[in-house]
All heavy atoms as atom14 arrays in JSON, in Angstrom:
{
  "sequence": "GKIYTMLYADELSYDVSCRAEELFKQLQCYSSSYR",
  "atom14_mask": [
    [1, 1, 1, 1, 0, 0, 0, 0, 0, 0, 0, 0, 0, 0],
    [1, 1, 1, 1, 1, 1, 1, 1, 1, 0, 0, 0, 0, 0],
    [1, 1, 1, 1, 1, 1, 1, 1, 0, 0, 0, 0, 0, 0],
    [1, 1, 1, 1, 1, 1, 1, 1, 1, 1, 1, 1, 0, 0],
    [1, 1, 1, 1, 1, 1, 1, 0, 0, 0, 0, 0, 0, 0],
    [1, 1, 1, 1, 1, 1, 1, 1, 0, 0, 0, 0, 0, 0],
    [1, 1, 1, 1, 1, 1, 1, 1, 0, 0, 0, 0, 0, 0],
    [1, 1, 1, 1, 1, 1, 1, 1, 1, 1, 1, 1, 0, 0],
    [1, 1, 1, 1, 1, 0, 0, 0, 0, 0, 0, 0, 0, 0],
    [1, 1, 1, 1, 1, 1, 1, 1, 0, 0, 0, 0, 0, 0],
    [1, 1, 1, 1, 1, 1, 1, 1, 1, 0, 0, 0, 0, 0],
    [1, 1, 1, 1, 1, 1, 1, 1, 0, 0, 0, 0, 0, 0],
    [1, 1, 1, 1, 1, 1, 0, 0, 0, 0, 0, 0, 0, 0],
    [1, 1, 1, 1, 1, 1, 1, 1, 1, 1, 1, 1, 0, 0],
    [1, 1, 1, 1, 1, 1, 1, 1, 0, 0, 0, 0, 0, 0],
    [1, 1, 1, 1, 1, 1, 1, 0, 0, 0, 0, 0, 0, 0],
    [1, 1, 1, 1, 1, 1, 0, 0, 0, 0, 0, 0, 0, 0],
    [1, 1, 1, 1, 1, 1, 0, 0, 0, 0, 0, 0, 0, 0],
    [1, 1, 1, 1, 1, 1, 1, 1, 1, 1, 1, 0, 0, 0],
    [1, 1, 1, 1, 1, 0, 0, 0, 0, 0, 0, 0, 0, 0],
    [1, 1, 1, 1, 1, 1, 1, 1, 1, 0, 0, 0, 0, 0],
    [1, 1, 1, 1, 1, 1, 1, 1, 1, 0, 0, 0, 0, 0],
    [1, 1, 1, 1, 1, 1, 1, 1, 0, 0, 0, 0, 0, 0],
    [1, 1, 1, 1, 1, 1, 1, 1, 1, 1, 1, 0, 0, 0],
    [1, 1, 1, 1, 1, 1, 1, 1, 1, 0, 0, 0, 0, 0],
    [1, 1, 1, 1, 1, 1, 1, 1, 1, 0, 0, 0, 0, 0],
    [1, 1, 1, 1, 1, 1, 1, 1, 0, 0, 0, 0, 0, 0],
    [1, 1, 1, 1, 1, 1, 1, 1, 1, 0, 0, 0, 0, 0],
    [1, 1, 1, 1, 1, 1, 0, 0, 0, 0, 0, 0, 0, 0],
    [1, 1, 1, 1, 1, 1, 1, 1, 1, 1, 1, 1, 0, 0],
    [1, 1, 1, 1, 1, 1, 0, 0, 0, 0, 0, 0, 0, 0],
    [1, 1, 1, 1, 1, 1, 0, 0, 0, 0, 0, 0, 0, 0],
    [1, 1, 1, 1, 1, 1, 0, 0, 0, 0, 0, 0, 0, 0],
    [1, 1, 1, 1, 1, 1, 1, 1, 1, 1, 1, 1, 0, 0],
    [1, 1, 1, 1, 1, 1, 1, 1, 1, 1, 1, 0, 0, 0]
  ],
  "atom14_positions": [
    [[-3.69, 5.37, 17.21], [-3.87, 4.48, 18.33], [-3.98, 3.02, 17.96], [-4.56, 2.18, 18.58], [0.0, 0.0, 0.0], [0.0, 0.0, 0.0], [0.0, 0.0, 0.0], [0.0, 0.0, 0.0], [0.0, 0.0, 0.0], [0.0, 0.0, 0.0], [0.0, 0.0, 0.0], [0.0, 0.0, 0.0], [0.0, 0.0, 0.0], [0.0, 0.0, 0.0]],
    [[-3.48, 2.63, 16.74], [-3.58, 1.26, 16.28], [-2.69, 0.35, 17.02], [-1.79, 0.67, 17.68], [-3.12, 1.15, 14.86], [-4.08, 1.8, 13.88], [-3.63, 1.67, 12.45], [-4.65, 2.15, 11.41], [-4.26, 1.83, 10.05], [0.0, 0.0, 0.0], [0.0, 0.0, 0.0], [0.0, 0.0, 0.0], [0.0, 0.0, 0.0], [0.0, 0.0, 0.0]],
    [[-3.23, -0.93, 17.18], [-2.49, -1.86, 17.98], [-2.1, -2.93, 16.89], [-2.96, -3.65, 16.26], [-3.36, -2.64, 19.0], [-3.85, -1.59, 20.05], [-2.56, -3.76, 19.67], [-4.76, -2.07, 21.07], [0.0, 0.0, 0.0], [0.0, 0.0, 0.0], [0.0, 0.0, 0.0], [0.0, 0.0, 0.0], [0.0, 0.0, 0.0], [0.0, 0.0, 0.0]],
    [[-0.74, -3.13, 16.7], [-0.3, -4.02, 15.65], [-0.04, -5.42, 16.27], [0.46, -5.53, 17.4], [0.96, -3.48, 15.06], [0.81, -2.18, 14.3], [0.79, -0.93, 14.97], [0.48, -2.28, 12.97], [0.44, 0.18, 14.18], [0.2, -1.14, 12.16], [0.21, 0.15, 12.83], [-0.08, 1.17, 12.09], [0.0, 0.0, 0.0], [0.0, 0.0, 0.0]],
    [[-0.34, -6.44, 15.58], [-0.3, -7.78, 15.96], [0.21, -8.73, 15.05], [-0.08, -8.75, 13.9], [-1.73, -8.29, 16.41], [-2.34, -7.33, 17.29], [-1.69, -9.7, 17.04], [0.0, 0.0, 0.0], [0.0, 0.0, 0.0], [0.0, 0.0, 0.0], [0.0, 0.0, 0.0], [0.0, 0.0, 0.0], [0.0, 0.0, 0.0], [0.0, 0.0, 0.0]],
    [[1.36, -9.49, 15.49], [1.94, -10.56, 14.76], [1.38, -11.84, 15.22], [1.66, -12.19, 16.44], [3.5, -10.55, 14.79], [4.1, -9.37, 14.14], [5.91, -9.45, 14.32], [6.38, -10.79, 13.23], [0.0, 0.0, 0.0], [0.0, 0.0, 0.0], [0.0, 0.0, 0.0], [0.0, 0.0, 0.0], [0.0, 0.0, 0.0], [0.0, 0.0, 0.0]],
    [[0.7, -12.57, 14.36], [0.06, -13.83, 14.85], [1.0, -15.0, 14.35], [1.46, -14.99, 13.29], [-1.35, -14.04, 14.19], [-2.37, -13.07, 14.69], [-3.67, -13.24, 13.78], [-2.67, -13.26, 16.11], [0.0, 0.0, 0.0], [0.0, 0.0, 0.0], [0.0, 0.0, 0.0], [0.0, 0.0, 0.0], [0.0, 0.0, 0.0], [0.0, 0.0, 0.0]],
    [[1.15, -15.91, 15.22], [1.99, -17.21, 15.02], [3.36, -16.79, 14.61], [3.93, -17.43, 13.66], [1.38, -18.03, 13.96], [-0.03, -18.36, 14.31], [-1.12, -18.01, 13.52], [-0.32, -19.21, 15.45], [-2.42, -18.32, 13.83], [-1.63, -19.49, 15.73], [-2.68, -19.12, 14.96], [-3.92, -19.49, 15.34], [0.0, 0.0, 0.0], [0.0, 0.0, 0.0]],
    [[4.03, -15.8, 15.26], [5.37, -15.38, 14.96], [6.43, -16.51, 15.18], [7.52, -16.36, 14.57], [5.75, -14.16, 15.79], [0.0, 0.0, 0.0], [0.0, 0.0, 0.0], [0.0, 0.0, 0.0], [0.0, 0.0, 0.0], [0.0, 0.0, 0.0], [0.0, 0.0, 0.0], [0.0, 0.0, 0.0], [0.0, 0.0, 0.0], [0.0, 0.0, 0.0]],
    [[6.04, -17.47, 15.99], [6.92, -18.62, 16.2], [7.13, -19.46, 14.9], [7.96, -20.28, 14.84], [6.35, -19.53, 17.35], [4.98, -19.83, 17.13], [4.02, -19.0, 17.19], [4.65, -21.08, 16.86], [0.0, 0.0, 0.0], [0.0, 0.0, 0.0], [0.0, 0.0, 0.0], [0.0, 0.0, 0.0], [0.0, 0.0, 0.0], [0.0, 0.0, 0.0]],
    [[6.26, -19.27, 13.84], [6.35, -20.04, 12.73], [7.28, -19.43, 11.63], [7.53, -20.03, 10.59], [4.95, -20.29, 12.05], [4.17, -21.14, 12.85], [2.85, -21.59, 12.16], [2.81, -21.48, 10.93], [1.95, -22.13, 12.82], [0.0, 0.0, 0.0], [0.0, 0.0, 0.0], [0.0, 0.0, 0.0], [0.0, 0.0, 0.0], [0.0, 0.0, 0.0]],
    [[7.83, -18.23, 11.94], [8.7, -17.54, 10.95], [10.03, -18.43, 10.87], [10.42, -19.01, 11.86], [9.0, -16.2, 11.45], [7.98, -15.17, 11.39], [8.38, -13.87, 12.01], [7.51, -14.91, 9.96], [0.0, 0.0, 0.0], [0.0, 0.0, 0.0], [0.0, 0.0, 0.0], [0.0, 0.0, 0.0], [0.0, 0.0, 0.0], [0.0, 0.0, 0.0]],
    [[10.59, -18.38, 9.7], [11.93, -19.04, 9.52], [12.94, -18.44, 10.4], [12.76, -17.29, 10.82], [12.26, -19.1, 8.08], [12.65, -17.76, 7.65], [0.0, 0.0, 0.0], [0.0, 0.0, 0.0], [0.0, 0.0, 0.0], [0.0, 0.0, 0.0], [0.0, 0.0, 0.0], [0.0, 0.0, 0.0], [0.0, 0.0, 0.0], [0.0, 0.0, 0.0]],
    [[14.03, -19.14, 10.62], [15.12, -18.65, 11.42], [15.69, -17.35, 10.82], [15.85, -16.36, 11.63], [16.17, -19.68, 11.56], [17.41, -19.26, 12.42], [17.33, -19.17, 13.73], [18.57, -18.72, 11.8], [18.36, -18.82, 14.58], [19.61, -18.3, 12.54], [19.54, -18.39, 13.95], [20.6, -17.95, 14.66], [0.0, 0.0, 0.0], [0.0, 0.0, 0.0]],
    [[15.91, -17.28, 9.56], [16.56, -16.16, 8.93], [15.64, -14.92, 9.02], [15.98, -13.76, 9.33], [16.86, -16.41, 7.47], [17.93, -17.42, 7.25], [18.76, -17.6, 8.22], [17.99, -18.07, 6.2], [0.0, 0.0, 0.0], [0.0, 0.0, 0.0], [0.0, 0.0, 0.0], [0.0, 0.0, 0.0], [0.0, 0.0, 0.0], [0.0, 0.0, 0.0]],
    [[14.26, -15.1, 8.8], [13.31, -14.02, 8.92], [13.17, -13.55, 10.37], [13.2, -12.35, 10.58], [11.91, -14.45, 8.29], [10.95, -13.36, 8.58], [12.07, -14.75, 6.82], [0.0, 0.0, 0.0], [0.0, 0.0, 0.0], [0.0, 0.0, 0.0], [0.0, 0.0, 0.0], [0.0, 0.0, 0.0], [0.0, 0.0, 0.0], [0.0, 0.0, 0.0]],
    [[13.21, -14.48, 11.3], [13.18, -14.08, 12.7], [14.29, -13.27, 13.16], [14.23, -12.31, 13.82], [13.05, -15.32, 13.52], [11.84, -16.09, 13.3], [0.0, 0.0, 0.0], [0.0, 0.0, 0.0], [0.0, 0.0, 0.0], [0.0, 0.0, 0.0], [0.0, 0.0, 0.0], [0.0, 0.0, 0.0], [0.0, 0.0, 0.0], [0.0, 0.0, 0.0]],
    [[15.61, -13.67, 12.67], [16.76, -12.87, 13.01], [16.6, -11.49, 12.43], [16.97, -10.55, 13.13], [18.01, -13.59, 12.4], [18.39, -15.08, 13.25], [0.0, 0.0, 0.0], [0.0, 0.0, 0.0], [0.0, 0.0, 0.0], [0.0, 0.0, 0.0], [0.0, 0.0, 0.0], [0.0, 0.0, 0.0], [0.0, 0.0, 0.0], [0.0, 0.0, 0.0]],
    [[16.21, -11.33, 11.18], [16.11, -10.02, 10.6], [15.03, -9.24, 11.25], [15.18, -8.01, 11.47], [15.73, -10.29, 9.13], [15.5, -9.04, 8.39], [16.87, -8.25, 8.09], [16.61, -6.89, 7.67], [16.94, -5.75, 8.22], [17.62, -5.81, 9.36], [16.66, -4.63, 7.7], [0.0, 0.0, 0.0], [0.0, 0.0, 0.0], [0.0, 0.0, 0.0]],
    [[13.96, -9.81, 11.74], [12.91, -9.11, 12.37], [13.41, -8.59, 13.73], [13.13, -7.36, 14.07], [11.72, -10.04, 12.68], [0.0, 0.0, 0.0], [0.0, 0.0, 0.0], [0.0, 0.0, 0.0], [0.0, 0.0, 0.0], [0.0, 0.0, 0.0], [0.0, 0.0, 0.0], [0.0, 0.0, 0.0], [0.0, 0.0, 0.0], [0.0, 0.0, 0.0]],
    [[14.2, -9.39, 14.51], [14.78, -8.84, 15.76], [15.67, -7.75, 15.5], [15.66, -6.73, 16.2], [15.49, -10.06, 16.43], [16.03, -9.6, 17.82], [16.99, -10.6, 18.41], [17.43, -11.49, 17.73], [17.14, -10.43, 19.65], [0.0, 0.0, 0.0], [0.0, 0.0, 0.0], [0.0, 0.0, 0.0], [0.0, 0.0, 0.0], [0.0, 0.0, 0.0]],
    [[16.67, -7.86, 14.44], [17.5, -6.78, 14.16], [16.78, -5.54, 13.82], [17.16, -4.38, 14.34], [18.37, -7.23, 12.98], [19.43, -8.29, 13.32], [20.1, -8.72, 12.09], [20.06, -8.04, 11.01], [20.73, -9.84, 12.05], [0.0, 0.0, 0.0], [0.0, 0.0, 0.0], [0.0, 0.0, 0.0], [0.0, 0.0, 0.0], [0.0, 0.0, 0.0]],
    [[15.85, -5.61, 12.99], [15.07, -4.48, 12.48], [14.3, -3.82, 13.73], [14.3, -2.52, 13.8], [14.11, -4.84, 11.28], [13.39, -3.64, 10.75], [14.34, -2.65, 10.19], [12.36, -4.07, 9.71], [0.0, 0.0, 0.0], [0.0, 0.0, 0.0], [0.0, 0.0, 0.0], [0.0, 0.0, 0.0], [0.0, 0.0, 0.0], [0.0, 0.0, 0.0]],
    [[13.74, -4.64, 14.51], [13.0, -4.13, 15.65], [13.91, -3.22, 16.53], [13.61, -2.2, 17.0], [12.46, -5.3, 16.55], [11.69, -4.8, 17.74], [10.36, -4.37, 17.67], [12.39, -4.78, 18.97], [9.75, -3.92, 18.83], [11.74, -4.3, 20.06], [10.38, -3.88, 20.02], [0.0, 0.0, 0.0], [0.0, 0.0, 0.0], [0.0, 0.0, 0.0]],
    [[15.12, -3.77, 16.79], [16.16, -3.04, 17.59], [16.5, -1.71, 16.93], [16.73, -0.76, 17.58], [17.36, -3.88, 17.84], [17.09, -5.02, 18.81], [18.34, -5.91, 19.02], [18.04, -7.02, 20.0], [19.19, -7.94, 20.15], [0.0, 0.0, 0.0], [0.0, 0.0, 0.0], [0.0, 0.0, 0.0], [0.0, 0.0, 0.0], [0.0, 0.0, 0.0]],
    [[16.63, -1.7, 15.55], [17.0, -0.44, 14.91], [15.83, 0.54, 14.99], [16.08, 1.73, 15.1], [17.31, -0.79, 13.47], [18.54, -1.6, 13.21], [18.7, -1.98, 11.73], [17.88, -1.69, 10.89], [19.67, -2.81, 11.51], [0.0, 0.0, 0.0], [0.0, 0.0, 0.0], [0.0, 0.0, 0.0], [0.0, 0.0, 0.0], [0.0, 0.0, 0.0]],
    [[14.55, 0.09, 14.65], [13.52, 0.95, 14.63], [12.89, 1.41, 15.95], [12.24, 2.39, 16.06], [12.36, 0.33, 13.79], [12.66, 0.02, 12.32], [11.52, -0.65, 11.68], [13.05, 1.32, 11.54], [0.0, 0.0, 0.0], [0.0, 0.0, 0.0], [0.0, 0.0, 0.0], [0.0, 0.0, 0.0], [0.0, 0.0, 0.0], [0.0, 0.0, 0.0]],
    [[13.18, 0.62, 16.96], [12.61, 0.94, 18.33], [13.06, 2.29, 18.8], [12.25, 2.92, 19.54], [13.06, -0.17, 19.33], [12.38, -0.06, 20.6], [12.81, -1.2, 21.5], [13.92, -1.82, 21.28], [12.08, -1.39, 22.61], [0.0, 0.0, 0.0], [0.0, 0.0, 0.0], [0.0, 0.0, 0.0], [0.0, 0.0, 0.0], [0.0, 0.0, 0.0]],
    [[14.19, 2.8, 18.39], [14.69, 4.07, 18.8], [13.87, 5.32, 18.29], [13.84, 6.4, 18.83], [16.14, 4.29, 18.5], [16.46, 4.31, 16.71], [0.0, 0.0, 0.0], [0.0, 0.0, 0.0], [0.0, 0.0, 0.0], [0.0, 0.0, 0.0], [0.0, 0.0, 0.0], [0.0, 0.0, 0.0], [0.0, 0.0, 0.0], [0.0, 0.0, 0.0]],
    [[13.07, 5.01, 17.22], [12.25, 6.11, 16.56], [11.02, 6.41, 17.38], [10.42, 7.46, 17.3], [11.89, 5.77, 15.16], [13.06, 5.79, 14.23], [13.6, 4.6, 13.78], [13.61, 6.99, 13.82], [14.79, 4.55, 12.89], [14.73, 6.98, 12.91], [15.25, 5.8, 12.47], [16.37, 5.8, 11.7], [0.0, 0.0, 0.0], [0.0, 0.0, 0.0]],
    [[10.58, 5.52, 18.11], [9.3, 5.66, 18.82], [9.27, 4.86, 20.12], [9.58, 3.71, 20.13], [8.12, 5.34, 17.96], [6.9, 5.45, 18.69], [0.0, 0.0, 0.0], [0.0, 0.0, 0.0], [0.0, 0.0, 0.0], [0.0, 0.0, 0.0], [0.0, 0.0, 0.0], [0.0, 0.0, 0.0], [0.0, 0.0, 0.0], [0.0, 0.0, 0.0]],
    [[8.76, 5.52, 21.11], [8.55, 4.71, 22.39], [7.12, 4.47, 22.7], [6.75, 3.91, 23.76], [9.24, 5.61, 23.6], [8.59, 6.83, 23.7], [0.0, 0.0, 0.0], [0.0, 0.0, 0.0], [0.0, 0.0, 0.0], [0.0, 0.0, 0.0], [0.0, 0.0, 0.0], [0.0, 0.0, 0.0], [0.0, 0.0, 0.0], [0.0, 0.0, 0.0]],
    [[6.29, 4.92, 21.69], [4.84, 4.81, 22.0], [4.18, 3.82, 21.04], [2.95, 3.83, 20.85], [4.15, 6.2, 21.78], [4.31, 6.57, 20.45], [0.0, 0.0, 0.0], [0.0, 0.0, 0.0], [0.0, 0.0, 0.0], [0.0, 0.0, 0.0], [0.0, 0.0, 0.0], [0.0, 0.0, 0.0], [0.0, 0.0, 0.0], [0.0, 0.0, 0.0]],
    [[4.97, 2.91, 20.48], [4.38, 1.86, 19.61], [3.52, 0.89, 20.44], [3.75, 0.73, 21.69], [5.44, 1.15, 18.89], [6.43, 0.35, 19.81], [6.2, -0.89, 20.12], [7.59, 0.94, 20.24], [6.98, -1.66, 20.92], [8.48, 0.3, 21.02], [8.21, -0.94, 21.35], [9.09, -1.68, 22.2], [0.0, 0.0, 0.0], [0.0, 0.0, 0.0]],
    [[2.62, 0.2, 19.77], [1.81, -0.87, 20.48], [1.94, -2.14, 19.56], [1.22, -2.13, 18.48], [0.41, -0.32, 20.66], [0.29, 0.83, 21.56], [-0.95, 1.19, 22.03], [-1.97, 1.44, 21.06], [-3.23, 1.7, 21.47], [-3.6, 1.9, 22.73], [-4.22, 1.81, 20.57], [0.0, 0.0, 0.0], [0.0, 0.0, 0.0], [0.0, 0.0, 0.0]]
  ]
}
């Protein structure tokens, strides 16, 4: 039941942000119960 938190995600570089969005879309299909 952990709640994961990214603080100040707006400060990530453009490249890292793009990669994070891509990875989120890929991994989201593995679980619908993430927090």
